Amino acid sequence: MTRGLSGLDLALCLAFALALPAGQVLFKMGAEQTRRIDGGVIAKVALNLPLMGAFAWYGLTSLLWVYILTRAPLSQVYPFSILGAALTPVLAVMLFRESLPPQAWLGYAVMLAGFMLVMRPAG
């Protein structure tokens, strides 16, 4: 499946895959901080640096994604979003002391196995 993707394309896709969970971590940090900010919803957003950072980060990540799509077919690069989806819960466990049941870990392992299968070169 990676036939046609250059080394730069792969590097950009990996950067995108890592940017997704980083943004989710910022959103979670912002959500936790929202509880500590007094005022209405506008104040809770405007005074919330992690949340504002998450918005900015996702804006930049979206620009990266559009750039990737100018270089490569969607069908070849979209599977990289699976990596971000599988890494996000791991970060949640490590950074926020969340817990996951065994079947969740198995599910994320299946996602990664699916990514490897889809990205395996044809032939």
PDB file of N, CA and C in Angstrom:
ATOM      1  N   MET A   1       0.821  -1.196   0.000  1.00  0.00           N
ATOM      2  CA  MET A   1       0.000   0.000   0.000  1.00  0.00           C
ATOM      3  C   MET A   1       0.862   1.255   0.000  1.00  0.00           C
ATOM      4  N   THR A   2       2.064   1.185   0.557  1.00  0.00           N
ATOM      5  CA  THR A   2       2.897   2.379   0.633  1.00  0.00           C
ATOM      6  C   THR A   2       3.578   2.679  -0.689  1.00  0.00           C
ATOM      7  N   ARG A   3       3.342   1.854  -1.707  1.00  0.00           N
ATOM      8  CA  ARG A   3       3.927   2.128  -3.017  1.00  0.00           C
ATOM      9  C   ARG A   3       3.450   3.503  -3.470  1.00  0.00           C
ATOM     10  N   GLY A   4       4.376   4.332  -3.897  1.00  0.00           N
ATOM     11  CA  GLY A   4       4.020   5.666  -4.336  1.00  0.00           C
ATOM     12  C   GLY A   4       4.234   6.732  -3.280  1.00  0.00           C
ATOM     13  N   LEU A   5       4.362   6.351  -2.019  1.00  0.00           N
ATOM     14  CA  LEU A   5       4.629   7.333  -0.968  1.00  0.00           C
ATOM     15  C   LEU A   5       6.135   7.500  -0.836  1.00  0.00           C
ATOM     16  N   SER A   6       6.574   8.729  -0.925  1.00  0.00           N
ATOM     17  CA  SER A   6       8.004   9.004  -0.776  1.00  0.00           C
ATOM     18  C   SER A   6       8.383   8.976   0.703  1.00  0.00           C
ATOM     19  N   GLY A   7       9.664   9.031   0.955  1.00  0.00           N
ATOM     20  CA  GLY A   7      10.128   9.110   2.337  1.00  0.00           C
ATOM     21  C   GLY A   7       9.578  10.339   3.038  1.00  0.00           C
ATOM     22  N   LEU A   8       9.507  11.454   2.314  1.00  0.00           N
ATOM     23  CA  LEU A   8       8.942  12.676   2.895  1.00  0.00           C
ATOM     24  C   LEU A   8       7.459  12.495   3.192  1.00  0.00           C
ATOM     25  N   ASP A   9       6.730  11.856   2.271  1.00  0.00           N
ATOM     26  CA  ASP A   9       5.306  11.596   2.504  1.00  0.00           C
ATOM     27  C   ASP A   9       5.114  10.771   3.773  1.00  0.00           C
ATOM     28  N   LEU A  10       5.909   9.733   3.925  1.00  0.00           N
ATOM     29  CA  LEU A  10       5.801   8.886   5.119  1.00  0.00           C
ATOM     30  C   LEU A  10       6.124   9.676   6.380  1.00  0.00           C
ATOM     31  N   ALA A  11       7.157  10.519   6.327  1.00  0.00           N
ATOM     32  CA  ALA A  11       7.520  11.334   7.490  1.00  0.00           C
ATOM     33  C   ALA A  11       6.399  12.307   7.842  1.00  0.00           C
ATOM     34  N   LEU A  12       5.801  12.922   6.827  1.00  0.00           N
ATOM     35  CA  LEU A  12       4.688  13.841   7.075  1.00  0.00           C
ATOM     36  C   LEU A  12       3.495  13.105   7.680  1.00  0.00           C
ATOM     37  N   CYS A  13       3.218  11.916   7.175  1.00  0.00           N
ATOM     38  CA  CYS A  13       2.104  11.119   7.708  1.00  0.00           C
ATOM     39  C   CYS A  13       2.355  10.705   9.153  1.00  0.00           C
ATOM     40  N   LEU A  14       3.585  10.350   9.468  1.00  0.00           N
ATOM     41  CA  LEU A  14       3.910  10.009  10.859  1.00  0.00           C
ATOM     42  C   LEU A  14       3.783  11.229  11.758  1.00  0.00           C
ATOM     43  N   ALA A  15       4.221  12.388  11.274  1.00  0.00           N
ATOM     44  CA  ALA A  15       4.060  13.621  12.055  1.00  0.00           C
ATOM     45  C   ALA A  15       2.580  13.892  12.304  1.00  0.00           C
ATOM     46  N   PHE A  16       1.755  13.689  11.287  1.00  0.00           N
ATOM     47  CA  PHE A  16       0.314  13.857  11.440  1.00  0.00           C
ATOM     48  C   PHE A  16      -0.239  12.874  12.467  1.00  0.00           C
ATOM     49  N   ALA A  17       0.199  11.623  12.370  1.00  0.00           N
ATOM     50  CA  ALA A  17      -0.282  10.593  13.297  1.00  0.00           C
ATOM     51  C   ALA A  17       0.079  10.929  14.737  1.00  0.00           C
ATOM     52  N   LEU A  18       1.229  11.535  14.968  1.00  0.00           N
ATOM     53  CA  LEU A  18       1.636  11.923  16.319  1.00  0.00           C
ATOM     54  C   LEU A  18       0.968  13.223  16.758  1.00  0.00           C
ATOM     55  N   ALA A  19       0.644  14.081  15.805  1.00  0.00           N
ATOM     56  CA  ALA A  19       0.002  15.353  16.139  1.00  0.00           C
ATOM     57  C   ALA A  19      -1.416  15.149  16.659  1.00  0.00           C
ATOM     58  N   LEU A  20      -2.106  14.133  16.161  1.00  0.00           N
ATOM     59  CA  LEU A  20      -3.483  13.894  16.598  1.00  0.00           C
ATOM     60  C   LEU A  20      -3.580  13.629  18.097  1.00  0.00           C
ATOM     61  N   PRO A  21      -2.834  12.681  18.657  1.00  0.00           N
ATOM     62  CA  PRO A  21      -2.939  12.464  20.100  1.00  0.00           C
ATOM     63  C   PRO A  21      -2.406  13.642  20.912  1.00  0.00           C
ATOM     64  N   ALA A  22      -1.429  14.369  20.392  1.00  0.00           N
ATOM     65  CA  ALA A  22      -0.940  15.552  21.108  1.00  0.00           C
ATOM     66  C   ALA A  22      -2.067  16.568  21.260  1.00  0.00           C
ATOM     67  N   GLY A  23      -2.848  16.750  20.215  1.00  0.00           N
ATOM     68  CA  GLY A  23      -3.995  17.650  20.294  1.00  0.00           C
ATOM     69  C   GLY A  23      -5.036  17.161  21.280  1.00  0.00           C
ATOM     70  N   GLN A  24      -5.273  15.859  21.306  1.00  0.00           N
ATOM     71  CA  GLN A  24      -6.238  15.312  22.261  1.00  0.00           C
ATOM     72  C   GLN A  24      -5.782  15.514  23.705  1.00  0.00           C
ATOM     73  N   VAL A  25      -4.478  15.393  23.935  1.00  0.00           N
ATOM     74  CA  VAL A  25      -3.939  15.649  25.278  1.00  0.00           C
ATOM     75  C   VAL A  25      -4.193  17.102  25.664  1.00  0.00           C
ATOM     76  N   LEU A  26      -3.961  18.026  24.733  1.00  0.00           N
ATOM     77  CA  LEU A  26      -4.232  19.436  25.023  1.00  0.00           C
ATOM     78  C   LEU A  26      -5.717  19.669  25.293  1.00  0.00           C
ATOM     79  N   PHE A  27      -6.593  19.030  24.531  1.00  0.00           N
ATOM     80  CA  PHE A  27      -8.026  19.164  24.788  1.00  0.00           C
ATOM     81  C   PHE A  27      -8.386  18.654  26.186  1.00  0.00           C
ATOM     82  N   LYS A  28      -7.820  17.534  26.580  1.00  0.00           N
ATOM     83  CA  LYS A  28      -8.101  16.989  27.911  1.00  0.00           C
ATOM     84  C   LYS A  28      -7.587  17.929  28.995  1.00  0.00           C
ATOM     85  N   MET A  29      -6.378  18.458  28.815  1.00  0.00           N
ATOM     86  CA  MET A  29      -5.841  19.415  29.784  1.00  0.00           C
ATOM     87  C   MET A  29      -6.741  20.647  29.867  1.00  0.00           C
ATOM     88  N   GLY A  30      -7.213  21.107  28.718  1.00  0.00           N
ATOM     89  CA  GLY A  30      -8.120  22.251  28.701  1.00  0.00           C
ATOM     90  C   GLY A  30      -9.438  21.944  29.377  1.00  0.00           C
ATOM     91  N   ALA A  31      -9.959  20.745  29.163  1.00  0.00           N
ATOM     92  CA  ALA A  31     -11.214  20.354  29.808  1.00  0.00           C
ATOM     93  C   ALA A  31     -11.064  20.332  31.322  1.00  0.00           C
ATOM     94  N   GLU A  32      -9.935  19.823  31.797  1.00  0.00           N
ATOM     95  CA  GLU A  32      -9.709  19.797  33.243  1.00  0.00           C
ATOM     96  C   GLU A  32      -9.564  21.203  33.803  1.00  0.00           C
ATOM     97  N   GLN A  33      -8.912  22.083  33.057  1.00  0.00           N
ATOM     98  CA  GLN A  33      -8.730  23.454  33.531  1.00  0.00           C
ATOM     99  C   GLN A  33     -10.041  24.229  33.512  1.00  0.00           C
ATOM    100  N   THR A  34     -10.950  23.887  32.612  1.00  0.00           N
ATOM    101  CA  THR A  34     -12.235  24.573  32.513  1.00  0.00           C
ATOM    102  C   THR A  34     -12.983  24.539  33.838  1.00  0.00           C
ATOM    103  N   ARG A  35     -12.849  23.451  34.565  1.00  0.00           N
ATOM    104  CA  ARG A  35     -13.533  23.341  35.859  1.00  0.00           C
ATOM    105  C   ARG A  35     -12.994  24.332  36.874  1.00  0.00           C
ATOM    106  N   ARG A  36     -11.758  24.802  36.678  1.00  0.00           N
ATOM    107  CA  ARG A  36     -11.132  25.697  37.651  1.00  0.00           C
ATOM    108  C   ARG A  36     -11.269  27.173  37.287  1.00  0.00           C
ATOM    109  N   ILE A  37     -11.878  27.483  36.151  1.00  0.00           N
ATOM    110  CA  ILE A  37     -12.020  28.872  35.710  1.00  0.00           C
ATOM    111  C   ILE A  37     -13.443  29.329  35.991  1.00  0.00           C
ATOM    112  N   ASP A  38     -13.552  30.457  36.700  1.00  0.00           N
ATOM    113  CA  ASP A  38     -14.869  31.025  36.983  1.00  0.00           C
ATOM    114  C   ASP A  38     -15.360  31.816  35.777  1.00  0.00           C
ATOM    115  N   GLY A  39     -16.657  31.934  35.664  1.00  0.00           N
ATOM    116  CA  GLY A  39     -17.234  32.741  34.601  1.00  0.00           C
ATOM    117  C   GLY A  39     -18.008  31.902  33.611  1.00  0.00           C
ATOM    118  N   GLY A  40     -18.469  32.591  32.575  1.00  0.00           N
ATOM    119  CA  GLY A  40     -19.247  31.943  31.531  1.00  0.00           C
ATOM    120  C   GLY A  40     -18.367  31.163  30.581  1.00  0.00           C
ATOM    121  N   VAL A  41     -19.011  30.625  29.586  1.00  0.00           N
ATOM    122  CA  VAL A  41     -18.305  29.751  28.655  1.00  0.00           C
ATOM    123  C   VAL A  41     -17.225  30.507  27.873  1.00  0.00           C
ATOM    124  N   ILE A  42     -17.473  31.762  27.537  1.00  0.00           N
ATOM    125  CA  ILE A  42     -16.471  32.529  26.789  1.00  0.00           C
ATOM    126  C   ILE A  42     -15.226  32.732  27.637  1.00  0.00           C
ATOM    127  N   ALA A  43     -15.406  33.066  28.908  1.00  0.00           N
ATOM    128  CA  ALA A  43     -14.252  33.229  29.802  1.00  0.00           C
ATOM    129  C   ALA A  43     -13.526  31.903  29.977  1.00  0.00           C
ATOM    130  N   LYS A  44     -14.278  30.832  30.102  1.00  0.00           N
ATOM    131  CA  LYS A  44     -13.659  29.519  30.296  1.00  0.00           C
ATOM    132  C   LYS A  44     -12.799  29.116  29.094  1.00  0.00           C
ATOM    133  N   VAL A  45     -13.192  29.560  27.912  1.00  0.00           N
ATOM    134  CA  VAL A  45     -12.408  29.256  26.713  1.00  0.00           C
ATOM    135  C   VAL A  45     -11.263  30.249  26.551  1.00  0.00           C
ATOM    136  N   ALA A  46     -11.559  31.536  26.655  1.00  0.00           N
ATOM    137  CA  ALA A  46     -10.555  32.572  26.394  1.00  0.00           C
ATOM    138  C   ALA A  46      -9.407  32.539  27.396  1.00  0.00           C
ATOM    139  N   LEU A  47      -9.678  32.151  28.636  1.00  0.00           N
ATOM    140  CA  LEU A  47      -8.652  32.133  29.675  1.00  0.00           C
ATOM    141  C   LEU A  47      -7.984  30.770  29.823  1.00  0.00           C
ATOM    142  N   ASN A  48      -8.298  29.860  28.946  1.00  0.00           N
ATOM    143  CA  ASN A  48      -7.837  28.485  29.062  1.00  0.00           C
ATOM    144  C   ASN A  48      -6.724  28.231  28.039  1.00  0.00           C
ATOM    145  N   LEU A  49      -5.478  28.394  28.480  1.00  0.00           N
ATOM    146  CA  LEU A  49      -4.350  28.249  27.553  1.00  0.00           C
ATOM    147  C   LEU A  49      -4.252  26.865  26.916  1.00  0.00           C
ATOM    148  N   PRO A  50      -4.420  25.773  27.670  1.00  0.00           N
ATOM    149  CA  PRO A  50      -4.362  24.466  27.002  1.00  0.00           C
ATOM    150  C   PRO A  50      -5.447  24.301  25.928  1.00  0.00           C
ATOM    151  N   LEU A  51      -6.636  24.821  26.203  1.00  0.00           N
ATOM    152  CA  LEU A  51      -7.714  24.700  25.227  1.00  0.00           C
ATOM    153  C   LEU A  51      -7.426  25.555  23.994  1.00  0.00           C
ATOM    154  N   MET A  52      -6.959  26.765  24.204  1.00  0.00           N
ATOM    155  CA  MET A  52      -6.586  27.614  23.068  1.00  0.00           C
ATOM    156  C   MET A  52      -5.433  26.973  22.287  1.00  0.00           C
ATOM    157  N   GLY A  53      -4.504  26.367  23.012  1.00  0.00           N
ATOM    158  CA  GLY A  53      -3.411  25.655  22.358  1.00  0.00           C
ATOM    159  C   GLY A  53      -3.913  24.485  21.535  1.00  0.00           C
ATOM    160  N   ALA A  54      -4.919  23.781  22.056  1.00  0.00           N
ATOM    161  CA  ALA A  54      -5.498  22.650  21.318  1.00  0.00           C
ATOM    162  C   ALA A  54      -6.139  23.126  20.021  1.00  0.00           C
ATOM    163  N   PHE A  55      -6.877  24.236  20.090  1.00  0.00           N
ATOM    164  CA  PHE A  55      -7.486  24.775  18.872  1.00  0.00           C
ATOM    165  C   PHE A  55      -6.413  25.147  17.851  1.00  0.00           C
ATOM    166  N   ALA A  56      -5.370  25.834  18.313  1.00  0.00           N
ATOM    167  CA  ALA A  56      -4.286  26.237  17.413  1.00  0.00           C
ATOM    168  C   ALA A  56      -3.571  25.011  16.851  1.00  0.00           C
ATOM    169  N   TRP A  57      -3.307  24.033  17.722  1.00  0.00           N
ATOM    170  CA  TRP A  57      -2.607  22.819  17.297  1.00  0.00           C
ATOM    171  C   TRP A  57      -3.406  22.076  16.231  1.00  0.00           C
ATOM    172  N   TYR A  58      -4.723  21.953  16.454  1.00  0.00           N
ATOM    173  CA  TYR A  58      -5.540  21.256  15.468  1.00  0.00           C
ATOM    174  C   TYR A  58      -5.651  22.052  14.172  1.00  0.00           C
ATOM    175  N   GLY A  59      -5.602  23.376  14.260  1.00  0.00           N
ATOM    176  CA  GLY A  59      -5.558  24.188  13.046  1.00  0.00           C
ATOM    177  C   GLY A  59      -4.303  23.899  12.244  1.00  0.00           C
ATOM    178  N   LEU A  60      -3.161  23.871  12.925  1.00  0.00           N
ATOM    179  CA  LEU A  60      -1.897  23.560  12.249  1.00  0.00           C
ATOM    180  C   LEU A  60      -1.890  22.126  11.723  1.00  0.00           C
ATOM    181  N   THR A  61      -2.437  21.215  12.512  1.00  0.00           N
ATOM    182  CA  THR A  61      -2.510  19.818  12.084  1.00  0.00           C
ATOM    183  C   THR A  61      -3.384  19.683  10.838  1.00  0.00           C
ATOM    184  N   SER A  62      -4.459  20.462  10.776  1.00  0.00           N
ATOM    185  CA  SER A  62      -5.318  20.441   9.587  1.00  0.00           C
ATOM    186  C   SER A  62      -4.571  20.953   8.365  1.00  0.00           C
ATOM    187  N   LEU A  63      -3.762  21.990   8.549  1.00  0.00           N
ATOM    188  CA  LEU A  63      -2.953  22.487   7.432  1.00  0.00           C
ATOM    189  C   LEU A  63      -1.961  21.421   6.966  1.00  0.00           C
ATOM    190  N   LEU A  64      -1.361  20.722   7.924  1.00  0.00           N
ATOM    191  CA  LEU A  64      -0.454  19.630   7.568  1.00  0.00           C
ATOM    192  C   LEU A  64      -1.196  18.565   6.771  1.00  0.00           C
ATOM    193  N   TRP A  65      -2.396  18.219   7.214  1.00  0.00           N
ATOM    194  CA  TRP A  65      -3.186  17.194   6.534  1.00  0.00           C
ATOM    195  C   TRP A  65      -3.502  17.613   5.094  1.00  0.00           C
ATOM    196  N   VAL A  66      -3.898  18.858   4.908  1.00  0.00           N
ATOM    197  CA  VAL A  66      -4.185  19.341   3.558  1.00  0.00           C
ATOM    198  C   VAL A  66      -2.926  19.264   2.699  1.00  0.00           C
ATOM    199  N   TYR A  67      -1.790  19.629   3.261  1.00  0.00           N
ATOM    200  CA  TYR A  67      -0.537  19.539   2.509  1.00  0.00           C
ATOM    201  C   TYR A  67      -0.243  18.090   2.118  1.00  0.00           C
ATOM    202  N   ILE A  68      -0.438  17.181   3.051  1.00  0.00           N
ATOM    203  CA  ILE A  68      -0.231  15.757   2.754  1.00  0.00           C
ATOM    204  C   ILE A  68      -1.136  15.329   1.598  1.00  0.00           C
ATOM    205  N   LEU A  69      -2.385  15.783   1.628  1.00  0.00           N
ATOM    206  CA  LEU A  69      -3.339  15.392   0.583  1.00  0.00           C
ATOM    207  C   LEU A  69      -2.997  15.978  -0.781  1.00  0.00           C
ATOM    208  N   THR A  70      -2.209  17.051  -0.811  1.00  0.00           N
ATOM    209  CA  THR A  70      -1.756  17.572  -2.109  1.00  0.00           C
ATOM    210  C   THR A  70      -0.654  16.704  -2.693  1.00  0.00           C
ATOM    211  N   ARG A  71      -0.046  15.878  -1.861  1.00  0.00           N
ATOM    212  CA  ARG A  71       1.098  15.069  -2.284  1.00  0.00           C
ATOM    213  C   ARG A  71       0.760  13.603  -2.514  1.00  0.00           C
ATOM    214  N   ALA A  72      -0.292  13.116  -1.875  1.00  0.00           N
ATOM    215  CA  ALA A  72      -0.524  11.667  -1.865  1.00  0.00           C
ATOM    216  C   ALA A  72      -2.019  11.357  -1.882  1.00  0.00           C
ATOM    217  N   PRO A  73      -2.388  10.164  -2.353  1.00  0.00           N
ATOM    218  CA  PRO A  73      -3.796   9.754  -2.379  1.00  0.00           C
ATOM    219  C   PRO A  73      -4.357   9.558  -0.968  1.00  0.00           C
ATOM    220  N   LEU A  74      -5.582  10.002  -0.777  1.00  0.00           N
ATOM    221  CA  LEU A  74      -6.261   9.850   0.509  1.00  0.00           C
ATOM    222  C   LEU A  74      -6.273   8.395   0.965  1.00  0.00           C
ATOM    223  N   SER A  75      -6.545   7.490   0.037  1.00  0.00           N
ATOM    224  CA  SER A  75      -6.643   6.070   0.404  1.00  0.00           C
ATOM    225  C   SER A  75      -5.327   5.520   0.939  1.00  0.00           C
ATOM    226  N   GLN A  76      -4.207   6.130   0.565  1.00  0.00           N
ATOM    227  CA  GLN A  76      -2.911   5.651   1.047  1.00  0.00           C
ATOM    228  C   GLN A  76      -2.484   6.308   2.351  1.00  0.00           C
ATOM    229  N   VAL A  77      -2.932   7.524   2.598  1.00  0.00           N
ATOM    230  CA  VAL A  77      -2.453   8.235   3.788  1.00  0.00           C
ATOM    231  C   VAL A  77      -3.436   8.205   4.953  1.00  0.00           C
ATOM    232  N   TYR A  78      -4.723   8.000   4.683  1.00  0.00           N
ATOM    233  CA  TYR A  78      -5.699   8.021   5.774  1.00  0.00           C
ATOM    234  C   TYR A  78      -5.444   6.965   6.850  1.00  0.00           C
ATOM    235  N   PRO A  79      -4.943   5.786   6.513  1.00  0.00           N
ATOM    236  CA  PRO A  79      -4.682   4.807   7.576  1.00  0.00           C
ATOM    237  C   PRO A  79      -3.761   5.317   8.687  1.00  0.00           C
ATOM    238  N   PHE A  80      -2.978   6.346   8.428  1.00  0.00           N
ATOM    239  CA  PHE A  80      -2.110   6.879   9.477  1.00  0.00           C
ATOM    240  C   PHE A  80      -2.912   7.481  10.629  1.00  0.00           C
ATOM    241  N   SER A  81      -4.160   7.863  10.374  1.00  0.00           N
ATOM    242  CA  SER A  81      -4.987   8.376  11.468  1.00  0.00           C
ATOM    243  C   SER A  81      -5.255   7.290  12.508  1.00  0.00           C
ATOM    244  N   ILE A  82      -5.190   6.025  12.089  1.00  0.00           N
ATOM    245  CA  ILE A  82      -5.371   4.915  13.028  1.00  0.00           C
ATOM    246  C   ILE A  82      -4.274   4.923  14.088  1.00  0.00           C
ATOM    247  N   LEU A  83      -3.070   5.279  13.674  1.00  0.00           N
ATOM    248  CA  LEU A  83      -1.972   5.325  14.646  1.00  0.00           C
ATOM    249  C   LEU A  83      -2.269   6.324  15.751  1.00  0.00           C
ATOM    250  N   GLY A  84      -2.763   7.490  15.365  1.00  0.00           N
ATOM    251  CA  GLY A  84      -3.110   8.497  16.366  1.00  0.00           C
ATOM    252  C   GLY A  84      -4.225   8.027  17.282  1.00  0.00           C
ATOM    253  N   ALA A  85      -5.217   7.360  16.696  1.00  0.00           N
ATOM    254  CA  ALA A  85      -6.333   6.859  17.494  1.00  0.00           C
ATOM    255  C   ALA A  85      -5.888   5.786  18.477  1.00  0.00           C
ATOM    256  N   ALA A  86      -4.893   5.002  18.111  1.00  0.00           N
ATOM    257  CA  ALA A  86      -4.400   3.954  19.009  1.00  0.00           C
ATOM    258  C   ALA A  86      -3.450   4.515  20.062  1.00  0.00           C
ATOM    259  N   LEU A  87      -2.739   5.585  19.744  1.00  0.00           N
ATOM    260  CA  LEU A  87      -1.790   6.162  20.688  1.00  0.00           C
ATOM    261  C   LEU A  87      -2.475   7.030  21.740  1.00  0.00           C
ATOM    262  N   THR A  88      -3.582   7.656  21.393  1.00  0.00           N
ATOM    263  CA  THR A  88      -4.264   8.559  22.317  1.00  0.00           C
ATOM    264  C   THR A  88      -4.631   7.883  23.640  1.00  0.00           C
ATOM    265  N   PRO A  89      -5.231   6.696  23.650  1.00  0.00           N
ATOM    266  CA  PRO A  89      -5.555   6.063  24.931  1.00  0.00           C
ATOM    267  C   PRO A  89      -4.315   5.708  25.751  1.00  0.00           C
ATOM    268  N   VAL A  90      -3.232   5.359  25.087  1.00  0.00           N
ATOM    269  CA  VAL A  90      -1.989   5.063  25.807  1.00  0.00           C
ATOM    270  C   VAL A  90      -1.521   6.313  26.539  1.00  0.00           C
ATOM    271  N   LEU A  91      -1.579   7.455  25.869  1.00  0.00           N
ATOM    272  CA  LEU A  91      -1.209   8.714  26.520  1.00  0.00           C
ATOM    273  C   LEU A  91      -2.168   9.052  27.658  1.00  0.00           C
ATOM    274  N   ALA A  92      -3.450   8.743  27.482  1.00  0.00           N
ATOM    275  CA  ALA A  92      -4.425   8.999  28.546  1.00  0.00           C
ATOM    276  C   ALA A  92      -4.084   8.204  29.800  1.00  0.00           C
ATOM    277  N   VAL A  93      -3.655   6.974  29.609  1.00  0.00           N
ATOM    278  CA  VAL A  93      -3.255   6.141  30.749  1.00  0.00           C
ATOM    279  C   VAL A  93      -1.999   6.707  31.401  1.00  0.00           C
ATOM    280  N   MET A  94      -1.022   7.086  30.582  1.00  0.00           N
ATOM    281  CA  MET A  94       0.257   7.560  31.105  1.00  0.00           C
ATOM    282  C   MET A  94       0.147   8.940  31.753  1.00  0.00           C
ATOM    283  N   LEU A  95      -0.575   9.855  31.126  1.00  0.00           N
ATOM    284  CA  LEU A  95      -0.581  11.244  31.583  1.00  0.00           C
ATOM    285  C   LEU A  95      -1.716  11.578  32.545  1.00  0.00           C
ATOM    286  N   PHE A  96      -2.857  10.926  32.387  1.00  0.00           N
ATOM    287  CA  PHE A  96      -4.028  11.280  33.183  1.00  0.00           C
ATOM    288  C   PHE A  96      -4.462  10.167  34.127  1.00  0.00           C
ATOM    289  N   ARG A  97      -3.658   9.124  34.195  1.00  0.00           N
ATOM    290  CA  ARG A  97      -3.923   7.982  35.078  1.00  0.00           C
ATOM    291  C   ARG A  97      -5.298   7.362  34.837  1.00  0.00           C
ATOM    292  N   GLU A  98      -5.709   7.381  33.570  1.00  0.00           N
ATOM    293  CA  GLU A  98      -6.946   6.702  33.219  1.00  0.00           C
ATOM    294  C   GLU A  98      -6.663   5.206  33.148  1.00  0.00           C
ATOM    295  N   SER A  99      -7.703   4.414  33.238  1.00  0.00           N
ATOM    296  CA  SER A  99      -7.506   2.965  33.151  1.00  0.00           C
ATOM    297  C   SER A  99      -8.305   2.422  31.965  1.00  0.00           C
ATOM    298  N   LEU A 100      -7.770   1.361  31.408  1.00  0.00           N
ATOM    299  CA  LEU A 100      -8.420   0.699  30.279  1.00  0.00           C
ATOM    300  C   LEU A 100      -8.572  -0.779  30.588  1.00  0.00           C
ATOM    301  N   PRO A 101      -9.717  -1.352  30.267  1.00  0.00           N
ATOM    302  CA  PRO A 101      -9.884  -2.792  30.471  1.00  0.00           C
ATOM    303  C   PRO A 101      -9.074  -3.567  29.432  1.00  0.00           C
ATOM    304  N   PRO A 102      -8.810  -4.832  29.709  1.00  0.00           N
ATOM    305  CA  PRO A 102      -8.007  -5.641  28.783  1.00  0.00           C
ATOM    306  C   PRO A 102      -8.548  -5.669  27.356  1.00  0.00           C
ATOM    307  N   GLN A 103      -9.875  -5.701  27.200  1.00  0.00           N
ATOM    308  CA  GLN A 103     -10.413  -5.755  25.843  1.00  0.00           C
ATOM    309  C   GLN A 103     -10.113  -4.471  25.064  1.00  0.00           C
ATOM    310  N   ALA A 104      -9.960  -3.347  25.759  1.00  0.00           N
ATOM    311  CA  ALA A 104      -9.583  -2.108  25.069  1.00  0.00           C
ATOM    312  C   ALA A 104      -8.159  -2.221  24.535  1.00  0.00           C
ATOM    313  N   TRP A 105      -7.254  -2.739  25.385  1.00  0.00           N
ATOM    314  CA  TRP A 105      -5.870  -2.932  24.924  1.00  0.00           C
ATOM    315  C   TRP A 105      -5.834  -3.861  23.711  1.00  0.00           C
ATOM    316  N   LEU A 106      -6.634  -4.912  23.762  1.00  0.00           N
ATOM    317  CA  LEU A 106      -6.707  -5.837  22.630  1.00  0.00           C
ATOM    318  C   LEU A 106      -7.239  -5.124  21.389  1.00  0.00           C
ATOM    319  N   GLY A 107      -8.252  -4.314  21.574  1.00  0.00           N
ATOM    320  CA  GLY A 107      -8.810  -3.567  20.450  1.00  0.00           C
ATOM    321  C   GLY A 107      -7.793  -2.641  19.806  1.00  0.00           C
ATOM    322  N   TYR A 108      -7.003  -1.952  20.633  1.00  0.00           N
ATOM    323  CA  TYR A 108      -5.979  -1.056  20.078  1.00  0.00           C
ATOM    324  C   TYR A 108      -4.881  -1.853  19.380  1.00  0.00           C
ATOM    325  N   ALA A 109      -4.573  -3.019  19.901  1.00  0.00           N
ATOM    326  CA  ALA A 109      -3.593  -3.884  19.230  1.00  0.00           C
ATOM    327  C   ALA A 109      -4.124  -4.338  17.873  1.00  0.00           C
ATOM    328  N   VAL A 110      -5.411  -4.645  17.802  1.00  0.00           N
ATOM    329  CA  VAL A 110      -6.022  -5.030  16.528  1.00  0.00           C
ATOM    330  C   VAL A 110      -5.976  -3.858  15.542  1.00  0.00           C
ATOM    331  N   MET A 111      -6.210  -2.645  16.050  1.00  0.00           N
ATOM    332  CA  MET A 111      -6.111  -1.467  15.181  1.00  0.00           C
ATOM    333  C   MET A 111      -4.708  -1.352  14.586  1.00  0.00           C
ATOM    334  N   LEU A 112      -3.696  -1.524  15.429  1.00  0.00           N
ATOM    335  CA  LEU A 112      -2.317  -1.434  14.945  1.00  0.00           C
ATOM    336  C   LEU A 112      -2.001  -2.552  13.955  1.00  0.00           C
ATOM    337  N   ALA A 113      -2.504  -3.752  14.244  1.00  0.00           N
ATOM    338  CA  ALA A 113      -2.298  -4.865  13.309  1.00  0.00           C
ATOM    339  C   ALA A 113      -2.982  -4.560  11.976  1.00  0.00           C
ATOM    340  N   GLY A 114      -4.161  -3.975  12.034  1.00  0.00           N
ATOM    341  CA  GLY A 114      -4.856  -3.586  10.810  1.00  0.00           C
ATOM    342  C   GLY A 114      -4.074  -2.552  10.020  1.00  0.00           C
ATOM    343  N   PHE A 115      -3.490  -1.597  10.729  1.00  0.00           N
ATOM    344  CA  PHE A 115      -2.649  -0.594  10.063  1.00  0.00           C
ATOM    345  C   PHE A 115      -1.489  -1.273   9.354  1.00  0.00           C
ATOM    346  N   MET A 116      -0.827  -2.181  10.054  1.00  0.00           N
ATOM    347  CA  MET A 116       0.322  -2.870   9.458  1.00  0.00           C
ATOM    348  C   MET A 116      -0.107  -3.674   8.225  1.00  0.00           C
ATOM    349  N   LEU A 117      -1.265  -4.305   8.305  1.00  0.00           N
ATOM    350  CA  LEU A 117      -1.764  -5.082   7.174  1.00  0.00           C
ATOM    351  C   LEU A 117      -2.069  -4.180   5.976  1.00  0.00           C
ATOM    352  N   VAL A 118      -2.741  -3.078   6.229  1.00  0.00           N
ATOM    353  CA  VAL A 118      -3.104  -2.160   5.152  1.00  0.00           C
ATOM    354  C   VAL A 118      -1.870  -1.517   4.528  1.00  0.00           C
ATOM    355  N   MET A 119      -0.872  -1.217   5.333  1.00  0.00           N
ATOM    356  CA  MET A 119       0.313  -0.515   4.837  1.00  0.00           C
ATOM    357  C   MET A 119       1.352  -1.451   4.231  1.00  0.00           C
ATOM    358  N   ARG A 120       1.131  -2.730   4.362  1.00  0.00           N
ATOM    359  CA  ARG A 120       2.091  -3.692   3.813  1.00  0.00           C
ATOM    360  C   ARG A 120       2.141  -3.560   2.295  1.00  0.00           C
ATOM    361  N   PRO A 121       3.340  -3.486   1.736  1.00  0.00           N
ATOM    362  CA  PRO A 121       3.453  -3.362   0.277  1.00  0.00           C
ATOM    363  C   PRO A 121       2.804  -4.554  -0.428  1.00  0.00           C
ATOM    364  N   ALA A 122       2.134  -4.268  -1.515  1.00  0.00           N
ATOM    365  CA  ALA A 122       1.490  -5.328  -2.299  1.00  0.00           C
ATOM    366  C   ALA A 122       2.549  -6.180  -2.987  1.00  0.00           C
ATOM    367  N   GLY A 123       2.221  -7.435  -3.154  1.00  0.00           N
ATOM    368  CA  GLY A 123       3.138  -8.304  -3.896  1.00  0.00           C
ATOM    369  C   GLY A 123       3.748  -9.272  -3.052  1.00  0.00           C
TER     370      GLY A 123
END
